[in-house]
């Protein structure tokens, strides 16, 4: 009998107050087969991390898969610190926030290297994350105006050189441990579309560790999720499943702090603009489950529910998403064509 190649999972970043134990209890109660805690949930409260044995024990106690570690925040800080942005303050300790941008970057690099070592000890080789604004805020706007190059400066070229040099030590460390740093292609990060990501791969000479964490809900400005992930298909090792709605007539880019007033809003899985079944089929087509299972040594790959909704409670969004993935996305995968059964028996 054909088998399902996915299991429902949950991303931990939005559930920070629960801590690791609380997240795992919630995941189990909601019917998930695994969980993807954030790096913050693995901290020991003393400036370091919990032991690998303690973390493994927490998962084993509940019969859950450890489906990676969400490290978006420290990676974003590392490649954005040079800009001096205050938006990194929520993701770093208070004493570190008072330091110079160079010191903050050095702290983030050290933190990431230690987190990657912990991941390696846990057998985690696929790390969902995203690179920060290595190319500067002008390019991060994505706006096609003409002030990216001029007399004595070329912001794109400078950004390329900056990205290669700032990420070199981290990439080398990840490669030494067989890990994949899976960038979530995302507005306001180091790669905002598929072509941006492929450019990062090119300037890093095809570095093997540069992967993609798929998330279709970030495809809302012209590049469809199918177009995006077909372009980077061979690099898709991680996957978040999330939906959104685009409100006709509302600006997609505006200085609007309230999610409920924005032109694009994240929402629950069943009612958004993205057909989630078609998305799952694309993941099968591009070989995501095969790549994940091969690297992680598992029988199934996680469909990681990320709880973000402009209107719905976080826990309700997650529980609904886990149930939706379980009931609609973990279907038996075809091993041949439906035409194979047609005609008379021979």
C-alpha atoms as a PDB file:
ATOM      1  CA  UNK A   1       0.000   0.000   0.000  1.00  0.00           C
ATOM      2  CA  UNK A   2       1.254   3.499  -0.862  1.00  0.00           C
ATOM      3  CA  UNK A   3       2.545   5.438   2.147  1.00  0.00           C
ATOM      4  CA  UNK A   4       2.397   9.100   3.133  1.00  0.00           C
ATOM      5  CA  UNK A   5       5.750  10.885   2.964  1.00  0.00           C
ATOM      6  CA  UNK A   6       4.921  13.730   5.374  1.00  0.00           C
ATOM      7  CA  UNK A   7       4.015  14.178   9.019  1.00  0.00           C
ATOM      8  CA  UNK A   8       2.486  17.264  10.691  1.00  0.00           C
ATOM      9  CA  UNK A   9       4.858  19.402  12.731  1.00  0.00           C
ATOM     10  CA  UNK A  10       4.933  22.812  14.400  1.00  0.00           C
ATOM     11  CA  UNK A  11       7.351  25.754  14.366  1.00  0.00           C
ATOM     12  CA  UNK A  12       8.189  27.018  17.837  1.00  0.00           C
ATOM     13  CA  UNK A  13       9.152  30.669  17.337  1.00  0.00           C
ATOM     14  CA  UNK A  14       5.617  32.030  17.760  1.00  0.00           C
ATOM     15  CA  UNK A  15       5.173  29.957  20.935  1.00  0.00           C
ATOM     16  CA  UNK A  16       8.192  31.300  22.802  1.00  0.00           C
ATOM     17  CA  UNK A  17       6.466  31.764  26.195  1.00  0.00           C
ATOM     18  CA  UNK A  18       5.667  28.035  26.318  1.00  0.00           C
ATOM     19  CA  UNK A  19       9.328  27.043  26.493  1.00  0.00           C
ATOM     20  CA  UNK A  20      10.520  23.710  25.122  1.00  0.00           C
ATOM     21  CA  UNK A  21       8.455  21.460  27.400  1.00  0.00           C
ATOM     22  CA  UNK A  22       5.306  23.517  26.851  1.00  0.00           C
ATOM     23  CA  UNK A  23       5.743  23.521  23.081  1.00  0.00           C
ATOM     24  CA  UNK A  24       6.180  19.750  22.976  1.00  0.00           C
ATOM     25  CA  UNK A  25       3.151  19.156  25.196  1.00  0.00           C
ATOM     26  CA  UNK A  26       1.071  21.427  22.965  1.00  0.00           C
ATOM     27  CA  UNK A  27       2.365  19.709  19.809  1.00  0.00           C
ATOM     28  CA  UNK A  28       1.518  16.263  21.173  1.00  0.00           C
ATOM     29  CA  UNK A  29      -1.945  17.310  22.349  1.00  0.00           C
ATOM     30  CA  UNK A  30      -2.661  18.871  18.941  1.00  0.00           C
ATOM     31  CA  UNK A  31      -1.741  15.709  17.038  1.00  0.00           C
ATOM     32  CA  UNK A  32       1.650  16.698  15.622  1.00  0.00           C
ATOM     33  CA  UNK A  33       4.255  14.055  14.852  1.00  0.00           C
ATOM     34  CA  UNK A  34       7.162  16.395  15.505  1.00  0.00           C
ATOM     35  CA  UNK A  35       8.206  19.896  16.444  1.00  0.00           C
ATOM     36  CA  UNK A  36      10.769  22.490  15.413  1.00  0.00           C
ATOM     37  CA  UNK A  37      11.739  24.541  18.493  1.00  0.00           C
ATOM     38  CA  UNK A  38      13.371  27.935  18.179  1.00  0.00           C
ATOM     39  CA  UNK A  39      16.938  28.451  19.333  1.00  0.00           C
ATOM     40  CA  UNK A  40      15.599  30.485  22.278  1.00  0.00           C
ATOM     41  CA  UNK A  41      13.700  27.452  23.595  1.00  0.00           C
ATOM     42  CA  UNK A  42      16.958  25.519  23.799  1.00  0.00           C
ATOM     43  CA  UNK A  43      18.786  28.082  25.932  1.00  0.00           C
ATOM     44  CA  UNK A  44      19.589  27.181  29.546  1.00  0.00           C
ATOM     45  CA  UNK A  45      19.038  30.645  31.014  1.00  0.00           C
ATOM     46  CA  UNK A  46      22.700  30.930  31.915  1.00  0.00           C
ATOM     47  CA  UNK A  47      24.088  32.181  28.615  1.00  0.00           C
ATOM     48  CA  UNK A  48      24.390  28.724  27.042  1.00  0.00           C
ATOM     49  CA  UNK A  49      22.234  25.879  25.790  1.00  0.00           C
ATOM     50  CA  UNK A  50      20.541  22.890  27.374  1.00  0.00           C
ATOM     51  CA  UNK A  51      22.407  19.604  26.910  1.00  0.00           C
ATOM     52  CA  UNK A  52      21.669  17.467  23.875  1.00  0.00           C
ATOM     53  CA  UNK A  53      20.648  14.638  26.219  1.00  0.00           C
ATOM     54  CA  UNK A  54      18.066  16.841  27.934  1.00  0.00           C
ATOM     55  CA  UNK A  55      16.607  18.009  24.624  1.00  0.00           C
ATOM     56  CA  UNK A  56      16.511  14.491  23.147  1.00  0.00           C
ATOM     57  CA  UNK A  57      14.876  13.203  26.312  1.00  0.00           C
ATOM     58  CA  UNK A  58      12.111  15.790  26.121  1.00  0.00           C
ATOM     59  CA  UNK A  59      11.255  14.699  22.565  1.00  0.00           C
ATOM     60  CA  UNK A  60      11.548  10.981  23.285  1.00  0.00           C
ATOM     61  CA  UNK A  61       9.298  11.276  26.342  1.00  0.00           C
ATOM     62  CA  UNK A  62       6.501  12.512  24.076  1.00  0.00           C
ATOM     63  CA  UNK A  63       7.281  10.346  21.057  1.00  0.00           C
ATOM     64  CA  UNK A  64       7.918  13.344  18.818  1.00  0.00           C
ATOM     65  CA  UNK A  65      10.412  13.910  16.000  1.00  0.00           C
ATOM     66  CA  UNK A  66      12.947  16.720  16.377  1.00  0.00           C
ATOM     67  CA  UNK A  67      12.266  18.421  13.044  1.00  0.00           C
ATOM     68  CA  UNK A  68      15.098  20.944  13.060  1.00  0.00           C
ATOM     69  CA  UNK A  69      15.798  24.098  15.039  1.00  0.00           C
ATOM     70  CA  UNK A  70      14.383  27.448  13.937  1.00  0.00           C
ATOM     71  CA  UNK A  71      17.351  29.844  13.921  1.00  0.00           C
ATOM     72  CA  UNK A  72      15.945  32.740  11.905  1.00  0.00           C
ATOM     73  CA  UNK A  73      16.541  35.426  14.531  1.00  0.00           C
ATOM     74  CA  UNK A  74      20.284  35.039  15.281  1.00  0.00           C
ATOM     75  CA  UNK A  75      21.137  34.630  11.597  1.00  0.00           C
ATOM     76  CA  UNK A  76      19.163  37.752  10.730  1.00  0.00           C
ATOM     77  CA  UNK A  77      20.953  39.687  13.482  1.00  0.00           C
ATOM     78  CA  UNK A  78      24.349  38.474  12.279  1.00  0.00           C
ATOM     79  CA  UNK A  79      23.998  39.736   8.716  1.00  0.00           C
ATOM     80  CA  UNK A  80      22.014  42.875   9.634  1.00  0.00           C
ATOM     81  CA  UNK A  81      24.022  44.180  12.616  1.00  0.00           C
ATOM     82  CA  UNK A  82      26.409  46.212  10.428  1.00  0.00           C
ATOM     83  CA  UNK A  83      23.474  48.505   9.500  1.00  0.00           C
ATOM     84  CA  UNK A  84      22.903  49.429  13.146  1.00  0.00           C
ATOM     85  CA  UNK A  85      19.202  48.621  12.905  1.00  0.00           C
ATOM     86  CA  UNK A  86      17.270  48.813  16.168  1.00  0.00           C
ATOM     87  CA  UNK A  87      14.993  46.038  14.933  1.00  0.00           C
ATOM     88  CA  UNK A  88      17.561  43.468  16.100  1.00  0.00           C
ATOM     89  CA  UNK A  89      17.189  44.488  19.768  1.00  0.00           C
ATOM     90  CA  UNK A  90      14.316  42.029  20.536  1.00  0.00           C
ATOM     91  CA  UNK A  91      16.552  39.114  19.514  1.00  0.00           C
ATOM     92  CA  UNK A  92      19.701  39.825  21.557  1.00  0.00           C
ATOM     93  CA  UNK A  93      20.475  40.068  25.290  1.00  0.00           C
ATOM     94  CA  UNK A  94      20.176  43.530  26.820  1.00  0.00           C
ATOM     95  CA  UNK A  95      23.881  43.826  27.611  1.00  0.00           C
ATOM     96  CA  UNK A  96      24.793  42.844  24.046  1.00  0.00           C
ATOM     97  CA  UNK A  97      22.412  45.459  22.621  1.00  0.00           C
ATOM     98  CA  UNK A  98      24.543  48.176  24.222  1.00  0.00           C
ATOM     99  CA  UNK A  99      27.655  47.103  22.330  1.00  0.00           C
ATOM    100  CA  UNK A 100      28.976  48.352  18.977  1.00  0.00           C
ATOM    101  CA  UNK A 101      27.630  46.884  15.759  1.00  0.00           C
ATOM    102  CA  UNK A 102      30.910  45.010  15.229  1.00  0.00           C
ATOM    103  CA  UNK A 103      30.650  43.486  18.700  1.00  0.00           C
ATOM    104  CA  UNK A 104      27.016  42.516  18.151  1.00  0.00           C
ATOM    105  CA  UNK A 105      27.944  40.820  14.887  1.00  0.00           C
ATOM    106  CA  UNK A 106      30.792  38.938  16.594  1.00  0.00           C
ATOM    107  CA  UNK A 107      28.433  37.860  19.392  1.00  0.00           C
ATOM    108  CA  UNK A 108      25.868  36.617  16.844  1.00  0.00           C
ATOM    109  CA  UNK A 109      28.511  34.667  14.931  1.00  0.00           C
ATOM    110  CA  UNK A 110      29.708  32.968  18.125  1.00  0.00           C
ATOM    111  CA  UNK A 111      26.131  32.203  19.156  1.00  0.00           C
ATOM    112  CA  UNK A 112      25.342  30.666  15.765  1.00  0.00           C
ATOM    113  CA  UNK A 113      28.462  28.485  15.768  1.00  0.00           C
ATOM    114  CA  UNK A 114      27.560  27.121  19.212  1.00  0.00           C
ATOM    115  CA  UNK A 115      23.965  26.547  18.125  1.00  0.00           C
ATOM    116  CA  UNK A 116      25.163  24.659  15.044  1.00  0.00           C
ATOM    117  CA  UNK A 117      27.358  22.482  17.262  1.00  0.00           C
ATOM    118  CA  UNK A 118      24.343  21.668  19.423  1.00  0.00           C
ATOM    119  CA  UNK A 119      22.314  20.901  16.304  1.00  0.00           C
ATOM    120  CA  UNK A 120      25.035  18.550  15.088  1.00  0.00           C
ATOM    121  CA  UNK A 121      25.055  16.758  18.460  1.00  0.00           C
ATOM    122  CA  UNK A 122      21.288  16.360  18.119  1.00  0.00           C
ATOM    123  CA  UNK A 123      21.616  14.965  14.599  1.00  0.00           C
ATOM    124  CA  UNK A 124      19.991  18.052  13.067  1.00  0.00           C
ATOM    125  CA  UNK A 125      21.493  18.775   9.658  1.00  0.00           C
ATOM    126  CA  UNK A 126      18.725  20.959   8.204  1.00  0.00           C
ATOM    127  CA  UNK A 127      18.570  24.405   9.806  1.00  0.00           C
ATOM    128  CA  UNK A 128      15.727  26.783   8.842  1.00  0.00           C
ATOM    129  CA  UNK A 129      16.844  30.425   9.012  1.00  0.00           C
ATOM    130  CA  UNK A 130      17.188  33.553   6.915  1.00  0.00           C
ATOM    131  CA  UNK A 131      20.123  35.792   6.122  1.00  0.00           C
ATOM    132  CA  UNK A 132      19.864  39.438   7.107  1.00  0.00           C
ATOM    133  CA  UNK A 133      20.156  42.590   5.020  1.00  0.00           C
ATOM    134  CA  UNK A 134      23.746  42.037   3.904  1.00  0.00           C
ATOM    135  CA  UNK A 135      23.069  44.236   0.875  1.00  0.00           C
ATOM    136  CA  UNK A 136      21.776  47.205   2.883  1.00  0.00           C
ATOM    137  CA  UNK A 137      18.347  48.678   3.399  1.00  0.00           C
ATOM    138  CA  UNK A 138      18.271  50.420  -0.003  1.00  0.00           C
ATOM    139  CA  UNK A 139      18.380  47.087  -1.818  1.00  0.00           C
ATOM    140  CA  UNK A 140      16.185  45.443   0.813  1.00  0.00           C
ATOM    141  CA  UNK A 141      13.343  47.708  -0.304  1.00  0.00           C
ATOM    142  CA  UNK A 142      13.419  45.881  -3.622  1.00  0.00           C
ATOM    143  CA  UNK A 143      12.382  49.123  -5.265  1.00  0.00           C
ATOM    144  CA  UNK A 144      13.847  49.431  -8.776  1.00  0.00           C
ATOM    145  CA  UNK A 145      15.123  52.959  -8.599  1.00  0.00           C
ATOM    146  CA  UNK A 146      18.447  54.168  -9.935  1.00  0.00           C
ATOM    147  CA  UNK A 147      20.399  54.937  -6.779  1.00  0.00           C
ATOM    148  CA  UNK A 148      22.086  51.594  -6.219  1.00  0.00           C
ATOM    149  CA  UNK A 149      25.215  52.608  -8.144  1.00  0.00           C
ATOM    150  CA  UNK A 150      26.902  55.883  -8.930  1.00  0.00           C
ATOM    151  CA  UNK A 151      30.238  57.709  -8.786  1.00  0.00           C
ATOM    152  CA  UNK A 152      32.543  55.539  -6.675  1.00  0.00           C
ATOM    153  CA  UNK A 153      29.904  53.113  -5.345  1.00  0.00           C
ATOM    154  CA  UNK A 154      27.991  50.017  -6.385  1.00  0.00           C
ATOM    155  CA  UNK A 155      25.723  48.812  -3.581  1.00  0.00           C
ATOM    156  CA  UNK A 156      24.990  45.472  -5.208  1.00  0.00           C
ATOM    157  CA  UNK A 157      28.655  44.608  -5.710  1.00  0.00           C
ATOM    158  CA  UNK A 158      29.523  45.817  -2.207  1.00  0.00           C
ATOM    159  CA  UNK A 159      26.723  43.695  -0.811  1.00  0.00           C
ATOM    160  CA  UNK A 160      27.942  40.621  -2.644  1.00  0.00           C
ATOM    161  CA  UNK A 161      31.421  41.047  -1.212  1.00  0.00           C
ATOM    162  CA  UNK A 162      29.963  41.700   2.249  1.00  0.00           C
ATOM    163  CA  UNK A 163      27.786  38.587   2.166  1.00  0.00           C
ATOM    164  CA  UNK A 164      30.618  36.310   1.084  1.00  0.00           C
ATOM    165  CA  UNK A 165      33.032  37.582   3.726  1.00  0.00           C
ATOM    166  CA  UNK A 166      30.596  37.864   6.654  1.00  0.00           C
ATOM    167  CA  UNK A 167      29.133  34.391   6.177  1.00  0.00           C
ATOM    168  CA  UNK A 168      32.369  32.557   5.321  1.00  0.00           C
ATOM    169  CA  UNK A 169      33.152  31.201   8.802  1.00  0.00           C
ATOM    170  CA  UNK A 170      29.571  30.094   9.428  1.00  0.00           C
ATOM    171  CA  UNK A 171      29.298  28.389   6.041  1.00  0.00           C
ATOM    172  CA  UNK A 172      32.606  26.618   6.555  1.00  0.00           C
ATOM    173  CA  UNK A 173      31.466  25.387   9.971  1.00  0.00           C
ATOM    174  CA  UNK A 174      28.139  24.138   8.614  1.00  0.00           C
ATOM    175  CA  UNK A 175      29.867  22.315   5.780  1.00  0.00           C
ATOM    176  CA  UNK A 176      32.271  20.629   8.194  1.00  0.00           C
ATOM    177  CA  UNK A 177      29.239  19.112   9.959  1.00  0.00           C
ATOM    178  CA  UNK A 178      27.220  18.262   6.851  1.00  0.00           C
ATOM    179  CA  UNK A 179      24.584  20.893   7.679  1.00  0.00           C
ATOM    180  CA  UNK A 180      22.337  22.886   5.360  1.00  0.00           C
ATOM    181  CA  UNK A 181      21.580  26.515   6.194  1.00  0.00           C
ATOM    182  CA  UNK A 182      18.096  26.849   4.726  1.00  0.00           C
ATOM    183  CA  UNK A 183      17.244  30.459   3.916  1.00  0.00           C
ATOM    184  CA  UNK A 184      13.575  31.382   3.943  1.00  0.00           C
ATOM    185  CA  UNK A 185      13.247  33.535   0.830  1.00  0.00           C
ATOM    186  CA  UNK A 186      11.517  36.541   2.264  1.00  0.00           C
ATOM    187  CA  UNK A 187      11.054  40.299   1.776  1.00  0.00           C
ATOM    188  CA  UNK A 188      13.598  42.317   3.738  1.00  0.00           C
ATOM    189  CA  UNK A 189      16.239  39.579   3.969  1.00  0.00           C
ATOM    190  CA  UNK A 190      19.436  38.638   2.139  1.00  0.00           C
ATOM    191  CA  UNK A 191      17.451  37.059  -0.727  1.00  0.00           C
ATOM    192  CA  UNK A 192      13.899  38.200  -1.476  1.00  0.00           C
ATOM    193  CA  UNK A 193      13.153  36.071  -4.534  1.00  0.00           C
ATOM    194  CA  UNK A 194      14.473  32.956  -6.248  1.00  0.00           C
ATOM    195  CA  UNK A 195      16.873  34.903  -8.466  1.00  0.00           C
ATOM    196  CA  UNK A 196      18.316  36.650  -5.394  1.00  0.00           C
ATOM    197  CA  UNK A 197      18.940  33.296  -3.727  1.00  0.00           C
ATOM    198  CA  UNK A 198      20.562  31.808  -6.817  1.00  0.00           C
ATOM    199  CA  UNK A 199      22.798  34.883  -6.908  1.00  0.00           C
ATOM    200  CA  UNK A 200      23.958  34.077  -3.350  1.00  0.00           C
ATOM    201  CA  UNK A 201      24.803  30.551  -4.452  1.00  0.00           C
ATOM    202  CA  UNK A 202      26.749  31.878  -7.439  1.00  0.00           C
ATOM    203  CA  UNK A 203      28.834  34.403  -5.466  1.00  0.00           C
ATOM    204  CA  UNK A 204      29.650  31.674  -2.916  1.00  0.00           C
ATOM    205  CA  UNK A 205      30.885  29.356  -5.698  1.00  0.00           C
ATOM    206  CA  UNK A 206      27.978  26.939  -5.395  1.00  0.00           C
ATOM    207  CA  UNK A 207      28.453  26.382  -1.654  1.00  0.00           C
ATOM    208  CA  UNK A 208      26.677  23.131  -0.782  1.00  0.00           C
ATOM    209  CA  UNK A 209      25.415  24.342   2.603  1.00  0.00           C
ATOM    210  CA  UNK A 210      23.238  27.078   1.085  1.00  0.00           C
ATOM    211  CA  UNK A 211      19.733  25.631   1.158  1.00  0.00           C
ATOM    212  CA  UNK A 212      16.148  26.897   1.058  1.00  0.00           C
ATOM    213  CA  UNK A 213      13.432  26.660   3.695  1.00  0.00           C
ATOM    214  CA  UNK A 214      10.259  26.708   1.613  1.00  0.00           C
ATOM    215  CA  UNK A 215       7.406  28.982   2.737  1.00  0.00           C
ATOM    216  CA  UNK A 216       4.722  29.801   0.155  1.00  0.00           C
ATOM    217  CA  UNK A 217       3.165  32.582   2.254  1.00  0.00           C
ATOM    218  CA  UNK A 218       6.043  34.909   1.383  1.00  0.00           C
ATOM    219  CA  UNK A 219       5.216  34.870  -2.324  1.00  0.00           C
ATOM    220  CA  UNK A 220       2.907  37.852  -2.534  1.00  0.00           C
ATOM    221  CA  UNK A 221       4.528  40.393  -4.848  1.00  0.00           C
ATOM    222  CA  UNK A 222       4.355  38.861  -8.299  1.00  0.00           C
ATOM    223  CA  UNK A 223       6.554  35.776  -8.037  1.00  0.00           C
ATOM    224  CA  UNK A 224       4.238  32.830  -7.464  1.00  0.00           C
ATOM    225  CA  UNK A 225       5.204  30.084  -5.049  1.00  0.00           C
ATOM    226  CA  UNK A 226       5.362  27.613  -7.931  1.00  0.00           C
ATOM    227  CA  UNK A 227       7.703  29.822  -9.977  1.00  0.00           C
ATOM    228  CA  UNK A 228       9.909  30.536  -6.958  1.00  0.00           C
ATOM    229  CA  UNK A 229      10.438  27.006  -5.729  1.00  0.00           C
ATOM    230  CA  UNK A 230      10.850  25.430  -9.139  1.00  0.00           C
ATOM    231  CA  UNK A 231      13.779  27.822  -9.679  1.00  0.00           C
ATOM    232  CA  UNK A 232      15.504  26.661  -6.481  1.00  0.00           C
ATOM    233  CA  UNK A 233      14.179  23.090  -6.451  1.00  0.00           C
ATOM    234  CA  UNK A 234      17.539  21.391  -5.931  1.00  0.00           C
ATOM    235  CA  UNK A 235      18.190  23.494  -2.789  1.00  0.00           C
ATOM    236  CA  UNK A 236      14.855  22.945  -0.970  1.00  0.00           C
ATOM    237  CA  UNK A 237      15.669  20.941   2.177  1.00  0.00           C
ATOM    238  CA  UNK A 238      13.238  22.505   4.680  1.00  0.00           C
ATOM    239  CA  UNK A 239       9.568  23.448   4.552  1.00  0.00           C
ATOM    240  CA  UNK A 240       7.114  25.614   6.490  1.00  0.00           C
ATOM    241  CA  UNK A 241       3.453  25.533   5.548  1.00  0.00           C
ATOM    242  CA  UNK A 242       1.587  28.815   5.949  1.00  0.00           C
ATOM    243  CA  UNK A 243      -1.121  30.710   4.100  1.00  0.00           C
ATOM    244  CA  UNK A 244      -1.994  34.332   3.397  1.00  0.00           C
ATOM    245  CA  UNK A 245      -4.678  36.579   1.910  1.00  0.00           C
ATOM    246  CA  UNK A 246      -4.063  39.586  -0.327  1.00  0.00           C
ATOM    247  CA  UNK A 247      -6.689  42.316  -0.025  1.00  0.00           C
ATOM    248  CA  UNK A 248      -7.431  43.827  -3.456  1.00  0.00           C
ATOM    249  CA  UNK A 249      -6.895  47.558  -3.621  1.00  0.00           C
ATOM    250  CA  UNK A 250      -4.682  47.791  -0.551  1.00  0.00           C
ATOM    251  CA  UNK A 251      -0.961  48.642  -0.866  1.00  0.00           C
ATOM    252  CA  UNK A 252       1.350  45.699  -0.233  1.00  0.00           C
ATOM    253  CA  UNK A 253       4.094  48.031   1.002  1.00  0.00           C
ATOM    254  CA  UNK A 254       3.032  50.722   3.447  1.00  0.00           C
ATOM    255  CA  UNK A 255       4.119  52.001   6.872  1.00  0.00           C
ATOM    256  CA  UNK A 256       1.237  50.201   8.547  1.00  0.00           C
ATOM    257  CA  UNK A 257       2.165  48.576  11.896  1.00  0.00           C
ATOM    258  CA  UNK A 258      -1.150  46.783  12.413  1.00  0.00           C
ATOM    259  CA  UNK A 259      -1.436  43.369  10.771  1.00  0.00           C
ATOM    260  CA  UNK A 260      -5.222  43.642  10.588  1.00  0.00           C
ATOM    261  CA  UNK A 261      -4.901  46.729   8.373  1.00  0.00           C
ATOM    262  CA  UNK A 262      -2.191  45.450   6.028  1.00  0.00           C
ATOM    263  CA  UNK A 263      -2.764  44.605   2.381  1.00  0.00           C
ATOM    264  CA  UNK A 264      -1.225  41.145   2.848  1.00  0.00           C
ATOM    265  CA  UNK A 265      -2.223  39.217   5.952  1.00  0.00           C
ATOM    266  CA  UNK A 266      -1.107  35.805   7.179  1.00  0.00           C
ATOM    267  CA  UNK A 267      -4.050  33.555   8.003  1.00  0.00           C
ATOM    268  CA  UNK A 268      -5.123  30.026   8.880  1.00  0.00           C
ATOM    269  CA  UNK A 269      -4.258  27.250   6.420  1.00  0.00           C
ATOM    270  CA  UNK A 270      -7.742  26.335   5.109  1.00  0.00           C
ATOM    271  CA  UNK A 271      -9.027  29.775   4.083  1.00  0.00           C
ATOM    272  CA  UNK A 272      -6.112  31.636   2.468  1.00  0.00           C
ATOM    273  CA  UNK A 273      -5.358  32.392  -1.157  1.00  0.00           C
ATOM    274  CA  UNK A 274      -2.925  29.479  -1.563  1.00  0.00           C
ATOM    275  CA  UNK A 275      -4.277  26.054  -2.478  1.00  0.00           C
ATOM    276  CA  UNK A 276      -2.351  24.029   0.110  1.00  0.00           C
ATOM    277  CA  UNK A 277      -2.931  20.678  -1.627  1.00  0.00           C
ATOM    278  CA  UNK A 278      -1.363  22.003  -4.819  1.00  0.00           C
ATOM    279  CA  UNK A 279       1.520  23.339  -2.721  1.00  0.00           C
ATOM    280  CA  UNK A 280       2.105  19.921  -1.144  1.00  0.00           C
ATOM    281  CA  UNK A 281       2.070  18.368  -4.601  1.00  0.00           C
ATOM    282  CA  UNK A 282       4.768  20.823  -5.687  1.00  0.00           C
ATOM    283  CA  UNK A 283       6.894  19.796  -2.701  1.00  0.00           C
ATOM    284  CA  UNK A 284       6.659  16.197  -3.880  1.00  0.00           C
ATOM    285  CA  UNK A 285       7.495  17.244  -7.446  1.00  0.00           C
ATOM    286  CA  UNK A 286      10.663  19.118  -6.455  1.00  0.00           C
ATOM    287  CA  UNK A 287      11.802  16.256  -4.222  1.00  0.00           C
ATOM    288  CA  UNK A 288      11.629  17.975  -0.840  1.00  0.00           C
ATOM    289  CA  UNK A 289      10.631  14.849   1.134  1.00  0.00           C
ATOM    290  CA  UNK A 290      13.314  12.743  -0.538  1.00  0.00           C
ATOM    291  CA  UNK A 291      16.021  15.304   0.228  1.00  0.00           C
ATOM    292  CA  UNK A 292      14.908  15.799   3.825  1.00  0.00           C
ATOM    293  CA  UNK A 293      14.611  12.082   4.585  1.00  0.00           C
ATOM    294  CA  UNK A 294      17.965  11.326   2.964  1.00  0.00           C
ATOM    295  CA  UNK A 295      19.805  14.000   4.947  1.00  0.00           C
ATOM    296  CA  UNK A 296      18.017  13.441   8.268  1.00  0.00           C
ATOM    297  CA  UNK A 297      17.655   9.662   8.036  1.00  0.00           C
ATOM    298  CA  UNK A 298      13.891   9.681   8.613  1.00  0.00           C
ATOM    299  CA  UNK A 299      10.966   7.847   7.041  1.00  0.00           C
ATOM    300  CA  UNK A 300       8.835  10.972   6.607  1.00  0.00           C
ATOM    301  CA  UNK A 301       9.485  14.689   6.163  1.00  0.00           C
ATOM    302  CA  UNK A 302       7.805  17.379   8.280  1.00  0.00           C
ATOM    303  CA  UNK A 303       5.191  19.791   7.037  1.00  0.00           C
ATOM    304  CA  UNK A 304       5.935  22.432   9.665  1.00  0.00           C
ATOM    305  CA  UNK A 305       2.911  24.543  10.603  1.00  0.00           C
ATOM    306  CA  UNK A 306       3.849  28.163  11.329  1.00  0.00           C
ATOM    307  CA  UNK A 307       1.200  29.894  13.420  1.00  0.00           C
ATOM    308  CA  UNK A 308       0.759  33.412  12.129  1.00  0.00           C
ATOM    309  CA  UNK A 309      -2.662  34.980  11.644  1.00  0.00           C
ATOM    310  CA  UNK A 310      -3.756  38.597  11.671  1.00  0.00           C
ATOM    311  CA  UNK A 311      -6.984  37.692  13.476  1.00  0.00           C
ATOM    312  CA  UNK A 312      -6.901  34.187  14.910  1.00  0.00           C
ATOM    313  CA  UNK A 313      -5.319  33.241  18.270  1.00  0.00           C
ATOM    314  CA  UNK A 314      -1.840  31.707  17.972  1.00  0.00           C
ATOM    315  CA  UNK A 315      -2.711  28.409  19.679  1.00  0.00           C
ATOM    316  CA  UNK A 316      -5.943  28.100  17.719  1.00  0.00           C
ATOM    317  CA  UNK A 317      -4.074  28.777  14.465  1.00  0.00           C
ATOM    318  CA  UNK A 318      -1.468  26.112  15.260  1.00  0.00           C
ATOM    319  CA  UNK A 319      -3.926  23.455  16.413  1.00  0.00           C
ATOM    320  CA  UNK A 320      -6.098  24.055  13.354  1.00  0.00           C
ATOM    321  CA  UNK A 321      -3.043  23.938  11.092  1.00  0.00           C
ATOM    322  CA  UNK A 322      -1.743  20.668  12.550  1.00  0.00           C
ATOM    323  CA  UNK A 323      -5.155  19.041  12.092  1.00  0.00           C
ATOM    324  CA  UNK A 324      -5.391  20.404   8.555  1.00  0.00           C
ATOM    325  CA  UNK A 325      -1.963  19.025   7.593  1.00  0.00           C
ATOM    326  CA  UNK A 326      -2.752  15.659   9.176  1.00  0.00           C
ATOM    327  CA  UNK A 327      -6.100  15.334   7.392  1.00  0.00           C
ATOM    328  CA  UNK A 328      -5.320  16.959   4.031  1.00  0.00           C
ATOM    329  CA  UNK A 329      -1.581  16.976   3.355  1.00  0.00           C
ATOM    330  CA  UNK A 330      -0.289  13.612   4.557  1.00  0.00           C
ATOM    331  CA  UNK A 331      -1.932  11.575   1.812  1.00  0.00           C
ATOM    332  CA  UNK A 332      -0.530   8.358   0.247  1.00  0.00           C
ATOM    333  CA  UNK A 333       1.751   9.334  -2.618  1.00  0.00           C
ATOM    334  CA  UNK A 334       1.239   7.816  -6.066  1.00  0.00           C
ATOM    335  CA  UNK A 335       3.939   5.358  -7.108  1.00  0.00           C
ATOM    336  CA  UNK A 336       2.848   5.339 -10.745  1.00  0.00           C
ATOM    337  CA  UNK A 337       0.279   6.820 -13.112  1.00  0.00           C
ATOM    338  CA  UNK A 338      -3.480   6.369 -12.688  1.00  0.00           C
ATOM    339  CA  UNK A 339      -3.363   5.133 -16.287  1.00  0.00           C
ATOM    340  CA  UNK A 340      -1.436   2.042 -15.162  1.00  0.00           C
ATOM    341  CA  UNK A 341      -4.635   0.372 -13.955  1.00  0.00           C
ATOM    342  CA  UNK A 342      -6.608   0.960 -17.135  1.00  0.00           C
ATOM    343  CA  UNK A 343      -7.335  -1.737 -19.686  1.00  0.00           C
ATOM    344  CA  UNK A 344      -7.752  -5.475 -19.388  1.00  0.00           C
ATOM    345  CA  UNK A 345      -5.505  -7.732 -17.332  1.00  0.00           C
ATOM    346  CA  UNK A 346      -2.683  -9.424 -19.228  1.00  0.00           C
END
